[in-house]
Amino acid sequence: MAFELPPLPYDYSALEPHIDTQTMQIHHDKHHAAYVTNLNKALESAPDAAGKSIDAILADLNAVPDNVRQAVINNGGGHYNHTLFWEIMGPKGGGEPKGDLAKAIEANFGNYEGLREKMNNAGLTRFGSGWAWLVLDKDGKLQVLSTANQDCPVSTGQKPLVGIDVWEHAYYLKYQNRRGDYLSAWWNVINWDAVAARYAKLK
């Protein structure tokens, strides 16, 4: 069964003023939609992938034929990464994590500010396009990392909890070249309830 573009779980304008309406429209309806279209096209010559989830495909890239593997990394990663991105943002976002997730963040990064600083730095120092991530590593510990382009931590055995898109299309209409300003503002739209639910499920 072909992959489909998931609907945005809130209005395009819901993340204003931190992420503008036009960016959300183009980012979801054009960029994410193109990843889905191109992923389905690439998988036409990979019948063994039919019926597999995007997680399963990205976790076992060696099973994807050589001639379409990079297209699947690019577009499958783009689909997975953006689906997560929409889910962990929300119109009444911001604040700080609570419960077990907050305890894990304190144990690994000192406090919420320590996590935020580390993730912002990962996003700022990612040369070119990519993502900053908070993941559960193979040992079940929280880790901050960044990936290039649409590479996905699932492909290296990690479980993403938070991903911040630092491709220019995610912020350029509002922030131009000020990636740091975008990263600072982004924490006002994070949906910690959604992140905590992912953490509880994945750990």
C-alpha atoms as a PDB file:
ATOM      1  CA  MET A   1       0.000   0.000   0.000  1.00  0.00           C
ATOM      2  CA  ALA A   2       1.326   3.418  -0.941  1.00  0.00           C
ATOM      3  CA  PHE A   3       2.354   5.899   1.722  1.00  0.00           C
ATOM      4  CA  GLU A   4       0.153   8.960   2.158  1.00  0.00           C
ATOM      5  CA  LEU A   5       0.743  12.500   3.363  1.00  0.00           C
ATOM      6  CA  PRO A   6      -0.647  12.705   6.912  1.00  0.00           C
ATOM      7  CA  PRO A   7      -2.882  15.708   7.536  1.00  0.00           C
ATOM      8  CA  LEU A   8      -1.419  18.507   9.615  1.00  0.00           C
ATOM      9  CA  PRO A   9      -2.849  18.007  13.137  1.00  0.00           C
ATOM     10  CA  TYR A  10      -3.659  21.728  13.534  1.00  0.00           C
ATOM     11  CA  ASP A  11      -4.268  24.811  11.392  1.00  0.00           C
ATOM     12  CA  TYR A  12      -1.438  26.223   9.286  1.00  0.00           C
ATOM     13  CA  SER A  13      -1.600  29.372  11.399  1.00  0.00           C
ATOM     14  CA  ALA A  14      -1.592  27.540  14.750  1.00  0.00           C
ATOM     15  CA  LEU A  15       2.132  28.018  15.425  1.00  0.00           C
ATOM     16  CA  GLU A  16       2.156  31.770  14.818  1.00  0.00           C
ATOM     17  CA  PRO A  17       4.059  33.927  15.592  1.00  0.00           C
ATOM     18  CA  HIS A  18       6.944  31.481  16.021  1.00  0.00           C
ATOM     19  CA  ILE A  19       6.413  29.629  12.720  1.00  0.00           C
ATOM     20  CA  ASP A  20       4.464  31.534  10.099  1.00  0.00           C
ATOM     21  CA  THR A  21       1.418  30.319   8.199  1.00  0.00           C
ATOM     22  CA  GLN A  22       2.995  30.456   4.741  1.00  0.00           C
ATOM     23  CA  THR A  23       5.990  28.392   5.850  1.00  0.00           C
ATOM     24  CA  MET A  24       3.679  25.739   7.300  1.00  0.00           C
ATOM     25  CA  GLN A  25       1.618  25.587   4.096  1.00  0.00           C
ATOM     26  CA  ILE A  26       4.642  25.206   1.829  1.00  0.00           C
ATOM     27  CA  HIS A  27       6.517  22.919   4.220  1.00  0.00           C
ATOM     28  CA  HIS A  28       3.649  20.459   4.673  1.00  0.00           C
ATOM     29  CA  ASP A  29       1.764  20.666   1.372  1.00  0.00           C
ATOM     30  CA  LYS A  30       4.772  20.953  -0.967  1.00  0.00           C
ATOM     31  CA  HIS A  31       7.955  19.625   0.687  1.00  0.00           C
ATOM     32  CA  HIS A  32       6.496  16.772   2.737  1.00  0.00           C
ATOM     33  CA  ALA A  33       4.096  15.860  -0.067  1.00  0.00           C
ATOM     34  CA  ALA A  34       7.010  15.614  -2.510  1.00  0.00           C
ATOM     35  CA  TYR A  35       8.864  13.237  -0.177  1.00  0.00           C
ATOM     36  CA  VAL A  36       5.814  10.970  -0.055  1.00  0.00           C
ATOM     37  CA  THR A  37       5.367  11.016  -3.840  1.00  0.00           C
ATOM     38  CA  ASN A  38       9.039  10.275  -4.490  1.00  0.00           C
ATOM     39  CA  LEU A  39       9.167   7.572  -1.809  1.00  0.00           C
ATOM     40  CA  ASN A  40       6.246   5.741  -3.423  1.00  0.00           C
ATOM     41  CA  LYS A  41       7.908   6.076  -6.813  1.00  0.00           C
ATOM     42  CA  ALA A  42      11.199   4.649  -5.496  1.00  0.00           C
ATOM     43  CA  LEU A  43       9.438   1.731  -3.815  1.00  0.00           C
ATOM     44  CA  GLU A  44       7.775   0.654  -7.069  1.00  0.00           C
ATOM     45  CA  SER A  45      10.963  -1.297  -7.786  1.00  0.00           C
ATOM     46  CA  ALA A  46      11.243  -2.660  -4.240  1.00  0.00           C
ATOM     47  CA  PRO A  47       8.276  -5.082  -3.944  1.00  0.00           C
ATOM     48  CA  ASP A  48       9.672  -6.616  -0.745  1.00  0.00           C
ATOM     49  CA  ALA A  49       8.998  -3.301   0.990  1.00  0.00           C
ATOM     50  CA  ALA A  50       5.279  -3.443   0.200  1.00  0.00           C
ATOM     51  CA  GLY A  51       3.241  -3.448   3.380  1.00  0.00           C
ATOM     52  CA  LYS A  52       6.191  -2.517   5.611  1.00  0.00           C
ATOM     53  CA  SER A  53       5.999   0.533   7.855  1.00  0.00           C
ATOM     54  CA  ILE A  54       8.350   3.427   7.177  1.00  0.00           C
ATOM     55  CA  ASP A  55      10.096   2.596  10.481  1.00  0.00           C
ATOM     56  CA  ALA A  56      10.749  -0.974   9.314  1.00  0.00           C
ATOM     57  CA  ILE A  57      12.049   0.162   5.928  1.00  0.00           C
ATOM     58  CA  LEU A  58      14.429   2.749   7.405  1.00  0.00           C
ATOM     59  CA  ALA A  59      15.637   0.330  10.088  1.00  0.00           C
ATOM     60  CA  ASP A  60      16.752  -2.200   7.461  1.00  0.00           C
ATOM     61  CA  LEU A  61      18.083  -0.229   4.513  1.00  0.00           C
ATOM     62  CA  ASN A  62      20.227  -3.170   3.393  1.00  0.00           C
ATOM     63  CA  ALA A  63      16.993  -4.865   2.347  1.00  0.00           C
ATOM     64  CA  VAL A  64      16.265  -2.009  -0.088  1.00  0.00           C
ATOM     65  CA  PRO A  65      17.636  -2.558  -3.614  1.00  0.00           C
ATOM     66  CA  ASP A  66      20.872  -0.670  -4.330  1.00  0.00           C
ATOM     67  CA  ASN A  67      19.408   1.267  -7.246  1.00  0.00           C
ATOM     68  CA  VAL A  68      16.736   2.975  -5.099  1.00  0.00           C
ATOM     69  CA  ARG A  69      18.353   2.889  -1.645  1.00  0.00           C
ATOM     70  CA  GLN A  70      19.507   6.514  -1.665  1.00  0.00           C
ATOM     71  CA  ALA A  71      16.098   7.671  -2.905  1.00  0.00           C
ATOM     72  CA  VAL A  72      14.488   5.762  -0.029  1.00  0.00           C
ATOM     73  CA  ILE A  73      16.958   7.266   2.478  1.00  0.00           C
ATOM     74  CA  ASN A  74      16.199  10.762   1.170  1.00  0.00           C
ATOM     75  CA  ASN A  75      12.444  10.510   0.698  1.00  0.00           C
ATOM     76  CA  GLY A  76      11.610   7.867   3.284  1.00  0.00           C
ATOM     77  CA  GLY A  77      13.626   9.837   5.812  1.00  0.00           C
ATOM     78  CA  GLY A  78      11.892  13.012   4.704  1.00  0.00           C
ATOM     79  CA  HIS A  79       8.503  11.374   5.236  1.00  0.00           C
ATOM     80  CA  TYR A  80       9.365   9.907   8.656  1.00  0.00           C
ATOM     81  CA  ASN A  81      11.163  13.016   9.920  1.00  0.00           C
ATOM     82  CA  HIS A  82       8.399  15.412   8.931  1.00  0.00           C
ATOM     83  CA  THR A  83       5.614  13.202  10.278  1.00  0.00           C
ATOM     84  CA  LEU A  84       7.374  13.269  13.647  1.00  0.00           C
ATOM     85  CA  PHE A  85       8.004  17.019  13.356  1.00  0.00           C
ATOM     86  CA  TRP A  86       4.304  17.860  12.949  1.00  0.00           C
ATOM     87  CA  GLU A  87       3.324  15.540  15.807  1.00  0.00           C
ATOM     88  CA  ILE A  88       5.685  17.013  18.399  1.00  0.00           C
ATOM     89  CA  MET A  89       4.623  20.603  17.788  1.00  0.00           C
ATOM     90  CA  GLY A  90       1.379  22.247  18.795  1.00  0.00           C
ATOM     91  CA  PRO A  91      -0.456  25.556  19.228  1.00  0.00           C
ATOM     92  CA  LYS A  92      -0.240  25.566  23.025  1.00  0.00           C
ATOM     93  CA  GLY A  93       3.337  24.387  23.182  1.00  0.00           C
ATOM     94  CA  GLY A  94       6.390  25.414  25.104  1.00  0.00           C
ATOM     95  CA  GLY A  95       7.025  25.191  28.802  1.00  0.00           C
ATOM     96  CA  GLU A  96       9.083  22.382  30.252  1.00  0.00           C
ATOM     97  CA  PRO A  97       8.797  18.597  30.280  1.00  0.00           C
ATOM     98  CA  LYS A  98       7.326  16.801  33.286  1.00  0.00           C
ATOM     99  CA  GLY A  99       7.320  13.360  34.863  1.00  0.00           C
ATOM    100  CA  ASP A 100       9.619  10.552  33.792  1.00  0.00           C
ATOM    101  CA  LEU A 101      10.808  12.436  30.724  1.00  0.00           C
ATOM    102  CA  ALA A 102      11.867  15.432  32.828  1.00  0.00           C
ATOM    103  CA  LYS A 103      13.766  13.133  35.196  1.00  0.00           C
ATOM    104  CA  ALA A 104      15.568  11.485  32.284  1.00  0.00           C
ATOM    105  CA  ILE A 105      16.472  14.889  30.828  1.00  0.00           C
ATOM    106  CA  GLU A 106      17.836  16.034  34.199  1.00  0.00           C
ATOM    107  CA  ALA A 107      19.868  12.830  34.556  1.00  0.00           C
ATOM    108  CA  ASN A 108      21.425  13.218  31.102  1.00  0.00           C
ATOM    109  CA  PHE A 109      21.694  16.971  30.588  1.00  0.00           C
ATOM    110  CA  GLY A 110      21.495  18.534  34.069  1.00  0.00           C
ATOM    111  CA  ASN A 111      18.164  20.240  33.367  1.00  0.00           C
ATOM    112  CA  TYR A 112      15.829  21.355  30.608  1.00  0.00           C
ATOM    113  CA  GLU A 113      18.054  24.332  29.766  1.00  0.00           C
ATOM    114  CA  GLY A 114      20.984  21.963  29.327  1.00  0.00           C
ATOM    115  CA  LEU A 115      19.000  19.935  26.789  1.00  0.00           C
ATOM    116  CA  ARG A 116      17.822  23.017  24.962  1.00  0.00           C
ATOM    117  CA  GLU A 117      21.339  24.438  24.742  1.00  0.00           C
ATOM    118  CA  LYS A 118      22.730  21.154  23.436  1.00  0.00           C
ATOM    119  CA  MET A 119      20.002  20.743  20.812  1.00  0.00           C
ATOM    120  CA  ASN A 120      20.264  24.349  19.641  1.00  0.00           C
ATOM    121  CA  ASN A 121      24.004  23.869  19.270  1.00  0.00           C
ATOM    122  CA  ALA A 122      23.453  20.667  17.276  1.00  0.00           C
ATOM    123  CA  GLY A 123      21.128  22.579  14.960  1.00  0.00           C
ATOM    124  CA  LEU A 124      23.394  25.601  14.630  1.00  0.00           C
ATOM    125  CA  THR A 125      26.517  23.583  13.880  1.00  0.00           C
ATOM    126  CA  ARG A 126      24.868  21.287  11.320  1.00  0.00           C
ATOM    127  CA  PHE A 127      26.505  22.488   8.104  1.00  0.00           C
ATOM    128  CA  GLY A 128      23.942  22.843   5.342  1.00  0.00           C
ATOM    129  CA  SER A 129      20.622  21.035   5.637  1.00  0.00           C
ATOM    130  CA  GLY A 130      19.667  18.533   8.298  1.00  0.00           C
ATOM    131  CA  TRP A 131      18.106  17.907  11.685  1.00  0.00           C
ATOM    132  CA  ALA A 132      18.853  18.193  15.402  1.00  0.00           C
ATOM    133  CA  TRP A 133      17.597  15.226  17.414  1.00  0.00           C
ATOM    134  CA  LEU A 134      16.851  13.999  20.901  1.00  0.00           C
ATOM    135  CA  VAL A 135      16.916  10.215  20.697  1.00  0.00           C
ATOM    136  CA  LEU A 136      16.879   7.132  22.855  1.00  0.00           C
ATOM    137  CA  ASP A 137      20.081   5.275  22.028  1.00  0.00           C
ATOM    138  CA  LYS A 138      20.533   1.504  21.929  1.00  0.00           C
ATOM    139  CA  ASP A 139      21.186   1.478  25.693  1.00  0.00           C
ATOM    140  CA  GLY A 140      17.961   3.378  26.415  1.00  0.00           C
ATOM    141  CA  LYS A 141      19.753   6.624  27.296  1.00  0.00           C
ATOM    142  CA  LEU A 142      18.886  10.064  25.980  1.00  0.00           C
ATOM    143  CA  GLN A 143      21.313  11.489  23.456  1.00  0.00           C
ATOM    144  CA  VAL A 144      21.479  14.639  21.331  1.00  0.00           C
ATOM    145  CA  LEU A 145      22.803  14.387  17.788  1.00  0.00           C
ATOM    146  CA  SER A 146      22.363  15.860  14.345  1.00  0.00           C
ATOM    147  CA  THR A 147      21.979  14.264  10.930  1.00  0.00           C
ATOM    148  CA  ALA A 148      22.545  15.561   7.428  1.00  0.00           C
ATOM    149  CA  ASN A 149      19.813  16.039   4.848  1.00  0.00           C
ATOM    150  CA  GLN A 150      16.901  13.650   5.589  1.00  0.00           C
ATOM    151  CA  ASP A 151      19.008  10.926   7.206  1.00  0.00           C
ATOM    152  CA  CYS A 152      16.994   9.371  10.036  1.00  0.00           C
ATOM    153  CA  PRO A 153      18.282   8.077  13.396  1.00  0.00           C
ATOM    154  CA  VAL A 154      16.053   4.988  12.973  1.00  0.00           C
ATOM    155  CA  SER A 155      18.554   3.800  10.352  1.00  0.00           C
ATOM    156  CA  THR A 156      21.342   3.677  12.965  1.00  0.00           C
ATOM    157  CA  GLY A 157      19.273   1.927  15.616  1.00  0.00           C
ATOM    158  CA  GLN A 158      18.141   4.958  17.595  1.00  0.00           C
ATOM    159  CA  LYS A 159      14.626   5.990  18.551  1.00  0.00           C
ATOM    160  CA  PRO A 160      13.775   9.650  17.831  1.00  0.00           C
ATOM    161  CA  LEU A 161      11.842  11.612  20.447  1.00  0.00           C
ATOM    162  CA  VAL A 162      12.343  15.181  19.195  1.00  0.00           C
ATOM    163  CA  GLY A 163      13.509  16.336  15.777  1.00  0.00           C
ATOM    164  CA  ILE A 164      14.068  19.968  14.821  1.00  0.00           C
ATOM    165  CA  ASP A 165      14.180  20.629  11.093  1.00  0.00           C
ATOM    166  CA  VAL A 166      17.045  22.983  10.210  1.00  0.00           C
ATOM    167  CA  TRP A 167      16.611  22.893   6.446  1.00  0.00           C
ATOM    168  CA  GLU A 168      16.254  26.471   5.206  1.00  0.00           C
ATOM    169  CA  HIS A 169      12.728  25.738   3.954  1.00  0.00           C
ATOM    170  CA  ALA A 170      11.690  25.289   7.620  1.00  0.00           C
ATOM    171  CA  TYR A 171      12.476  28.860   8.591  1.00  0.00           C
ATOM    172  CA  TYR A 172      13.753  31.067   5.761  1.00  0.00           C
ATOM    173  CA  LEU A 173      10.567  33.008   4.959  1.00  0.00           C
ATOM    174  CA  LYS A 174      10.400  34.363   8.506  1.00  0.00           C
ATOM    175  CA  TYR A 175      13.958  34.183   9.829  1.00  0.00           C
ATOM    176  CA  GLN A 176      16.053  34.388   6.629  1.00  0.00           C
ATOM    177  CA  ASN A 177      19.621  33.390   7.575  1.00  0.00           C
ATOM    178  CA  ARG A 178      19.004  33.663  11.350  1.00  0.00           C
ATOM    179  CA  ARG A 179      18.880  29.945  12.141  1.00  0.00           C
ATOM    180  CA  GLY A 180      19.676  30.677  15.795  1.00  0.00           C
ATOM    181  CA  ASP A 181      16.585  32.885  16.155  1.00  0.00           C
ATOM    182  CA  TYR A 182      14.426  30.142  14.644  1.00  0.00           C
ATOM    183  CA  LEU A 183      15.875  27.533  17.004  1.00  0.00           C
ATOM    184  CA  SER A 184      15.260  29.765  20.027  1.00  0.00           C
ATOM    185  CA  ALA A 185      11.670  30.419  18.948  1.00  0.00           C
ATOM    186  CA  TRP A 186      11.010  26.760  18.139  1.00  0.00           C
ATOM    187  CA  TRP A 187      10.872  25.766  21.814  1.00  0.00           C
ATOM    188  CA  ASN A 188       7.668  27.810  22.120  1.00  0.00           C
ATOM    189  CA  VAL A 189       5.822  25.302  19.924  1.00  0.00           C
ATOM    190  CA  ILE A 190       7.116  21.963  21.257  1.00  0.00           C
ATOM    191  CA  ASN A 191       4.315  19.709  22.496  1.00  0.00           C
ATOM    192  CA  TRP A 192       5.854  18.076  25.566  1.00  0.00           C
ATOM    193  CA  ASP A 193       2.802  15.848  26.108  1.00  0.00           C
ATOM    194  CA  ALA A 194       3.369  14.291  22.685  1.00  0.00           C
ATOM    195  CA  VAL A 195       7.097  13.878  23.358  1.00  0.00           C
ATOM    196  CA  ALA A 196       6.402  12.314  26.765  1.00  0.00           C
ATOM    197  CA  ALA A 197       3.966   9.865  25.152  1.00  0.00           C
ATOM    198  CA  ARG A 198       6.641   8.859  22.634  1.00  0.00           C
ATOM    199  CA  TYR A 199       9.165   8.436  25.444  1.00  0.00           C
ATOM    200  CA  ALA A 200       6.801   6.217  27.462  1.00  0.00           C
ATOM    201  CA  LYS A 201       6.082   4.089  24.387  1.00  0.00           C
ATOM    202  CA  LEU A 202       9.652   3.749  23.118  1.00  0.00           C
ATOM    203  CA  LYS A 203      11.563   3.206  26.336  1.00  0.00           C
END
